[in-house]
Amino acid sequence: MSKPTPIDEAIVLDPKRYIVSETDEKGKITFCNDYFIEISGYSREELLGQPHSIIRHPDMPKVVFKLLWETISQGKNINAVVKNLAKDGRYYWIFTEFESRKDTDTGTIIGYHASRKTVSKHVIEIISGLYAELLEIEKKEGVAASEKHLVDFLKEKGNDIEFSNIMEEIHRFY
């Protein structure tokens, strides 16, 4: 399935509804609620079994997903602001709570659960600027340089933190 061409039109989300999905341990979609289907523009059949990156917007820096995967693959939960891409090319910003799902007998990660909701325009303004900087750095110098920039950004704000807390720290500032 080919990626849609992004257009500069936002989808307005209902602040009272959550977009919910679950994936297997590799990130392939195993469940999506009706609101996810409605907002993404894909049918349930088009989503199930696909990598969750099917909705990844090209404005998202790779470092965000690198840090996200490093965190959840260790069984830690993380929150993130993400810009997603709908099937028709429109976009939507969301605040996402990622949780690891574990086998109750073995403790092995068997998948991930994500609940998403609207995010304030103020946060979007700050995050979109930061993400644009990170994306530009990635294009010129790679993901490692982008990661360093993100860590330095947070240190400038007065926090020396672990990677697993980066997104939470960003949200705390704004």
C-alpha atoms as a PDB file:
ATOM      1  CA  MET A   1       0.000   0.000   0.000  1.00  0.00           C
ATOM      2  CA  SER A   2       1.498   3.340  -1.012  1.00  0.00           C
ATOM      3  CA  LYS A   3       1.633   6.336   1.308  1.00  0.00           C
ATOM      4  CA  PRO A   4      -0.713   9.227   0.560  1.00  0.00           C
ATOM      5  CA  THR A   5       0.688  12.590  -0.452  1.00  0.00           C
ATOM      6  CA  PRO A   6       0.415  14.951   2.538  1.00  0.00           C
ATOM      7  CA  ILE A   7      -1.804  18.009   2.185  1.00  0.00           C
ATOM      8  CA  ASP A   8      -1.838  21.000   4.505  1.00  0.00           C
ATOM      9  CA  GLU A   9      -5.255  20.367   6.034  1.00  0.00           C
ATOM     10  CA  ALA A  10      -5.825  19.374   9.637  1.00  0.00           C
ATOM     11  CA  ILE A  11      -8.480  16.968  10.821  1.00  0.00           C
ATOM     12  CA  VAL A  12     -10.329  18.353  13.821  1.00  0.00           C
ATOM     13  CA  LEU A  13     -10.591  15.747  16.567  1.00  0.00           C
ATOM     14  CA  ASP A  14     -13.435  15.359  19.036  1.00  0.00           C
ATOM     15  CA  PRO A  15     -11.924  16.188  22.461  1.00  0.00           C
ATOM     16  CA  LYS A  16     -14.277  13.698  24.117  1.00  0.00           C
ATOM     17  CA  ARG A  17     -13.194  10.693  22.056  1.00  0.00           C
ATOM     18  CA  TYR A  18     -10.067   8.532  22.078  1.00  0.00           C
ATOM     19  CA  ILE A  19      -8.301   6.920  19.152  1.00  0.00           C
ATOM     20  CA  VAL A  20      -7.244   3.455  20.302  1.00  0.00           C
ATOM     21  CA  SER A  21      -5.085   0.795  18.709  1.00  0.00           C
ATOM     22  CA  GLU A  22      -3.077  -2.249  19.674  1.00  0.00           C
ATOM     23  CA  THR A  23      -0.161  -3.854  17.909  1.00  0.00           C
ATOM     24  CA  ASP A  24       1.828  -7.038  18.198  1.00  0.00           C
ATOM     25  CA  GLU A  25       5.396  -6.871  19.491  1.00  0.00           C
ATOM     26  CA  LYS A  26       6.656  -5.941  15.981  1.00  0.00           C
ATOM     27  CA  GLY A  27       4.266  -2.977  15.620  1.00  0.00           C
ATOM     28  CA  LYS A  28       1.663  -4.552  13.319  1.00  0.00           C
ATOM     29  CA  ILE A  29      -1.887  -3.421  14.062  1.00  0.00           C
ATOM     30  CA  THR A  30      -4.023  -6.087  15.760  1.00  0.00           C
ATOM     31  CA  PHE A  31      -6.888  -3.859  16.958  1.00  0.00           C
ATOM     32  CA  CYS A  32      -8.263  -0.422  16.124  1.00  0.00           C
ATOM     33  CA  ASN A  33     -11.388   1.221  17.459  1.00  0.00           C
ATOM     34  CA  ASP A  34     -14.050   2.813  15.263  1.00  0.00           C
ATOM     35  CA  TYR A  35     -12.737   6.326  15.920  1.00  0.00           C
ATOM     36  CA  PHE A  36      -9.259   5.314  14.685  1.00  0.00           C
ATOM     37  CA  ILE A  37     -10.880   4.042  11.480  1.00  0.00           C
ATOM     38  CA  GLU A  38     -12.958   7.207  11.093  1.00  0.00           C
ATOM     39  CA  ILE A  39     -10.035   9.615  11.607  1.00  0.00           C
ATOM     40  CA  SER A  40      -7.407   7.676   9.648  1.00  0.00           C
ATOM     41  CA  GLY A  41      -9.743   7.129   6.686  1.00  0.00           C
ATOM     42  CA  TYR A  42      -8.654   3.517   6.327  1.00  0.00           C
ATOM     43  CA  SER A  43     -11.025   0.579   6.667  1.00  0.00           C
ATOM     44  CA  ARG A  44     -10.492  -1.929   9.458  1.00  0.00           C
ATOM     45  CA  GLU A  45      -9.372  -4.452   6.832  1.00  0.00           C
ATOM     46  CA  GLU A  46      -6.782  -2.014   5.468  1.00  0.00           C
ATOM     47  CA  LEU A  47      -5.381  -1.379   8.960  1.00  0.00           C
ATOM     48  CA  LEU A  48      -5.278  -4.825  10.569  1.00  0.00           C
ATOM     49  CA  GLY A  49      -1.971  -6.562   9.969  1.00  0.00           C
ATOM     50  CA  GLN A  50      -0.288  -3.395   8.691  1.00  0.00           C
ATOM     51  CA  PRO A  51       2.672  -1.739  10.415  1.00  0.00           C
ATOM     52  CA  HIS A  52       1.455   1.142  12.581  1.00  0.00           C
ATOM     53  CA  SER A  53       3.757   3.345  10.502  1.00  0.00           C
ATOM     54  CA  ILE A  54       1.013   3.293   7.849  1.00  0.00           C
ATOM     55  CA  ILE A  55      -0.160   6.559   9.456  1.00  0.00           C
ATOM     56  CA  ARG A  56       3.275   8.085  10.065  1.00  0.00           C
ATOM     57  CA  HIS A  57       3.490  11.620   8.755  1.00  0.00           C
ATOM     58  CA  PRO A  58       6.734  12.592   6.983  1.00  0.00           C
ATOM     59  CA  ASP A  59       6.977  15.662   9.271  1.00  0.00           C
ATOM     60  CA  MET A  60       7.774  13.331  12.177  1.00  0.00           C
ATOM     61  CA  PRO A  61      11.471  13.029  13.027  1.00  0.00           C
ATOM     62  CA  LYS A  62      12.808   9.477  13.181  1.00  0.00           C
ATOM     63  CA  VAL A  63      14.418  10.162  16.564  1.00  0.00           C
ATOM     64  CA  VAL A  64      10.984  10.381  18.202  1.00  0.00           C
ATOM     65  CA  PHE A  65      10.149   6.843  17.094  1.00  0.00           C
ATOM     66  CA  LYS A  66      13.644   5.611  17.925  1.00  0.00           C
ATOM     67  CA  LEU A  67      13.244   6.800  21.513  1.00  0.00           C
ATOM     68  CA  LEU A  68       9.667   5.578  21.669  1.00  0.00           C
ATOM     69  CA  TRP A  69      10.607   2.052  20.549  1.00  0.00           C
ATOM     70  CA  GLU A  70      13.629   1.953  22.859  1.00  0.00           C
ATOM     71  CA  THR A  71      11.325   2.790  25.757  1.00  0.00           C
ATOM     72  CA  ILE A  72       8.349   0.530  25.088  1.00  0.00           C
ATOM     73  CA  SER A  73      10.505  -2.440  24.069  1.00  0.00           C
ATOM     74  CA  GLN A  74      11.941  -2.305  27.614  1.00  0.00           C
ATOM     75  CA  GLY A  75       8.406  -2.607  28.988  1.00  0.00           C
ATOM     76  CA  LYS A  76       8.244   1.051  30.019  1.00  0.00           C
ATOM     77  CA  ASN A  77       5.311   3.279  29.143  1.00  0.00           C
ATOM     78  CA  ILE A  78       5.758   6.623  27.402  1.00  0.00           C
ATOM     79  CA  ASN A  79       3.686   9.588  26.261  1.00  0.00           C
ATOM     80  CA  ALA A  80       4.302  11.437  23.007  1.00  0.00           C
ATOM     81  CA  VAL A  81       2.859  14.106  20.772  1.00  0.00           C
ATOM     82  CA  VAL A  82       2.630  12.733  17.240  1.00  0.00           C
ATOM     83  CA  LYS A  83       1.529  14.091  13.880  1.00  0.00           C
ATOM     84  CA  ASN A  84      -0.250  11.374  11.904  1.00  0.00           C
ATOM     85  CA  LEU A  85      -1.193  11.120   8.246  1.00  0.00           C
ATOM     86  CA  ALA A  86      -4.701  10.094   7.164  1.00  0.00           C
ATOM     87  CA  LYS A  87      -5.385   8.114   4.015  1.00  0.00           C
ATOM     88  CA  ASP A  88      -6.625  11.229   2.208  1.00  0.00           C
ATOM     89  CA  GLY A  89      -3.379  13.137   2.966  1.00  0.00           C
ATOM     90  CA  ARG A  90      -4.755  15.306   5.784  1.00  0.00           C
ATOM     91  CA  TYR A  91      -3.018  15.291   9.162  1.00  0.00           C
ATOM     92  CA  TYR A  92      -3.956  15.184  12.821  1.00  0.00           C
ATOM     93  CA  TRP A  93      -1.926  15.910  15.945  1.00  0.00           C
ATOM     94  CA  ILE A  94      -2.473  13.695  18.967  1.00  0.00           C
ATOM     95  CA  PHE A  95      -1.203  13.127  22.467  1.00  0.00           C
ATOM     96  CA  THR A  96      -0.533   9.403  22.752  1.00  0.00           C
ATOM     97  CA  GLU A  97      -0.111   7.178  25.793  1.00  0.00           C
ATOM     98  CA  PHE A  98       1.856   4.062  24.826  1.00  0.00           C
ATOM     99  CA  GLU A  99       1.765   1.004  27.079  1.00  0.00           C
ATOM    100  CA  SER A 100       3.475  -2.353  26.758  1.00  0.00           C
ATOM    101  CA  ARG A 101       1.264  -5.455  26.961  1.00  0.00           C
ATOM    102  CA  LYS A 102       2.933  -8.449  28.601  1.00  0.00           C
ATOM    103  CA  ASP A 103       2.204 -12.132  28.836  1.00  0.00           C
ATOM    104  CA  THR A 104       1.015 -12.593  32.427  1.00  0.00           C
ATOM    105  CA  ASP A 105       2.839 -15.911  32.790  1.00  0.00           C
ATOM    106  CA  THR A 106       6.213 -15.069  31.273  1.00  0.00           C
ATOM    107  CA  GLY A 107       6.382 -11.282  31.465  1.00  0.00           C
ATOM    108  CA  THR A 108       7.347 -11.213  27.777  1.00  0.00           C
ATOM    109  CA  ILE A 109       6.112  -8.254  25.765  1.00  0.00           C
ATOM    110  CA  ILE A 110       3.393  -9.457  23.411  1.00  0.00           C
ATOM    111  CA  GLY A 111       2.308  -6.097  22.038  1.00  0.00           C
ATOM    112  CA  TYR A 112       1.506  -2.498  22.671  1.00  0.00           C
ATOM    113  CA  HIS A 113      -1.597  -0.460  23.434  1.00  0.00           C
ATOM    114  CA  ALA A 114      -1.973   3.203  22.470  1.00  0.00           C
ATOM    115  CA  SER A 115      -4.689   5.665  23.452  1.00  0.00           C
ATOM    116  CA  ARG A 116      -4.706   9.023  21.722  1.00  0.00           C
ATOM    117  CA  LYS A 117      -6.531  12.264  22.344  1.00  0.00           C
ATOM    118  CA  THR A 118      -6.473  15.860  21.168  1.00  0.00           C
ATOM    119  CA  VAL A 119      -3.585  18.116  22.077  1.00  0.00           C
ATOM    120  CA  SER A 120      -3.654  21.871  22.661  1.00  0.00           C
ATOM    121  CA  LYS A 121      -2.684  24.300  19.900  1.00  0.00           C
ATOM    122  CA  HIS A 122      -0.012  25.757  22.188  1.00  0.00           C
ATOM    123  CA  VAL A 123       1.718  22.381  22.519  1.00  0.00           C
ATOM    124  CA  ILE A 124       1.431  21.787  18.770  1.00  0.00           C
ATOM    125  CA  GLU A 125       3.103  25.131  18.049  1.00  0.00           C
ATOM    126  CA  ILE A 126       6.053  24.311  20.325  1.00  0.00           C
ATOM    127  CA  ILE A 127       6.392  20.661  19.303  1.00  0.00           C
ATOM    128  CA  SER A 128       6.005  21.286  15.569  1.00  0.00           C
ATOM    129  CA  GLY A 129       8.870  23.793  15.698  1.00  0.00           C
ATOM    130  CA  LEU A 130      11.073  21.395  17.637  1.00  0.00           C
ATOM    131  CA  TYR A 131      10.174  18.502  15.316  1.00  0.00           C
ATOM    132  CA  ALA A 132      11.000  20.629  12.242  1.00  0.00           C
ATOM    133  CA  GLU A 133      14.445  21.363  13.733  1.00  0.00           C
ATOM    134  CA  LEU A 134      15.009  17.672  14.497  1.00  0.00           C
ATOM    135  CA  LEU A 135      13.908  16.637  11.011  1.00  0.00           C
ATOM    136  CA  GLU A 136      16.273  19.140   9.388  1.00  0.00           C
ATOM    137  CA  ILE A 137      19.164  17.878  11.520  1.00  0.00           C
ATOM    138  CA  GLU A 138      18.316  14.277  10.574  1.00  0.00           C
ATOM    139  CA  LYS A 139      18.393  15.168   6.880  1.00  0.00           C
ATOM    140  CA  LYS A 140      21.803  16.837   7.167  1.00  0.00           C
ATOM    141  CA  GLU A 141      23.559  14.902   9.944  1.00  0.00           C
ATOM    142  CA  GLY A 142      21.526  11.795  10.810  1.00  0.00           C
ATOM    143  CA  VAL A 143      19.433  10.504  13.705  1.00  0.00           C
ATOM    144  CA  ALA A 144      22.286  10.520  16.250  1.00  0.00           C
ATOM    145  CA  ALA A 145      22.778  14.263  15.754  1.00  0.00           C
ATOM    146  CA  SER A 146      19.031  14.791  16.044  1.00  0.00           C
ATOM    147  CA  GLU A 147      18.986  12.850  19.305  1.00  0.00           C
ATOM    148  CA  LYS A 148      21.848  14.959  20.671  1.00  0.00           C
ATOM    149  CA  HIS A 149      19.977  18.130  19.741  1.00  0.00           C
ATOM    150  CA  LEU A 150      16.866  16.911  21.560  1.00  0.00           C
ATOM    151  CA  VAL A 151      18.830  16.058  24.697  1.00  0.00           C
ATOM    152  CA  ASP A 152      20.625  19.422  24.553  1.00  0.00           C
ATOM    153  CA  PHE A 153      17.276  21.193  24.117  1.00  0.00           C
ATOM    154  CA  LEU A 154      16.005  19.595  27.309  1.00  0.00           C
ATOM    155  CA  LYS A 155      19.214  20.353  29.186  1.00  0.00           C
ATOM    156  CA  GLU A 156      18.810  24.010  28.232  1.00  0.00           C
ATOM    157  CA  LYS A 157      15.413  23.826  29.902  1.00  0.00           C
ATOM    158  CA  GLY A 158      17.176  22.687  33.066  1.00  0.00           C
ATOM    159  CA  ASN A 159      16.671  18.950  32.956  1.00  0.00           C
ATOM    160  CA  ASP A 160      19.246  16.215  32.615  1.00  0.00           C
ATOM    161  CA  ILE A 161      17.032  13.208  32.006  1.00  0.00           C
ATOM    162  CA  GLU A 162      16.981   9.652  30.701  1.00  0.00           C
ATOM    163  CA  PHE A 163      15.710   9.021  27.187  1.00  0.00           C
ATOM    164  CA  SER A 164      12.618   7.213  28.477  1.00  0.00           C
ATOM    165  CA  ASN A 165      11.418  10.462  30.026  1.00  0.00           C
ATOM    166  CA  ILE A 166      12.145  12.803  27.114  1.00  0.00           C
ATOM    167  CA  MET A 167       8.613  13.123  25.769  1.00  0.00           C
ATOM    168  CA  GLU A 168       7.147  13.470  29.244  1.00  0.00           C
ATOM    169  CA  GLU A 169       9.614  16.261  29.978  1.00  0.00           C
ATOM    170  CA  ILE A 170       8.692  18.080  26.777  1.00  0.00           C
ATOM    171  CA  HIS A 171       5.027  17.989  27.780  1.00  0.00           C
ATOM    172  CA  ARG A 172       5.824  19.204  31.259  1.00  0.00           C
ATOM    173  CA  PHE A 173       7.378  22.381  29.872  1.00  0.00           C
ATOM    174  CA  TYR A 174       4.404  23.188  27.728  1.00  0.00           C
END
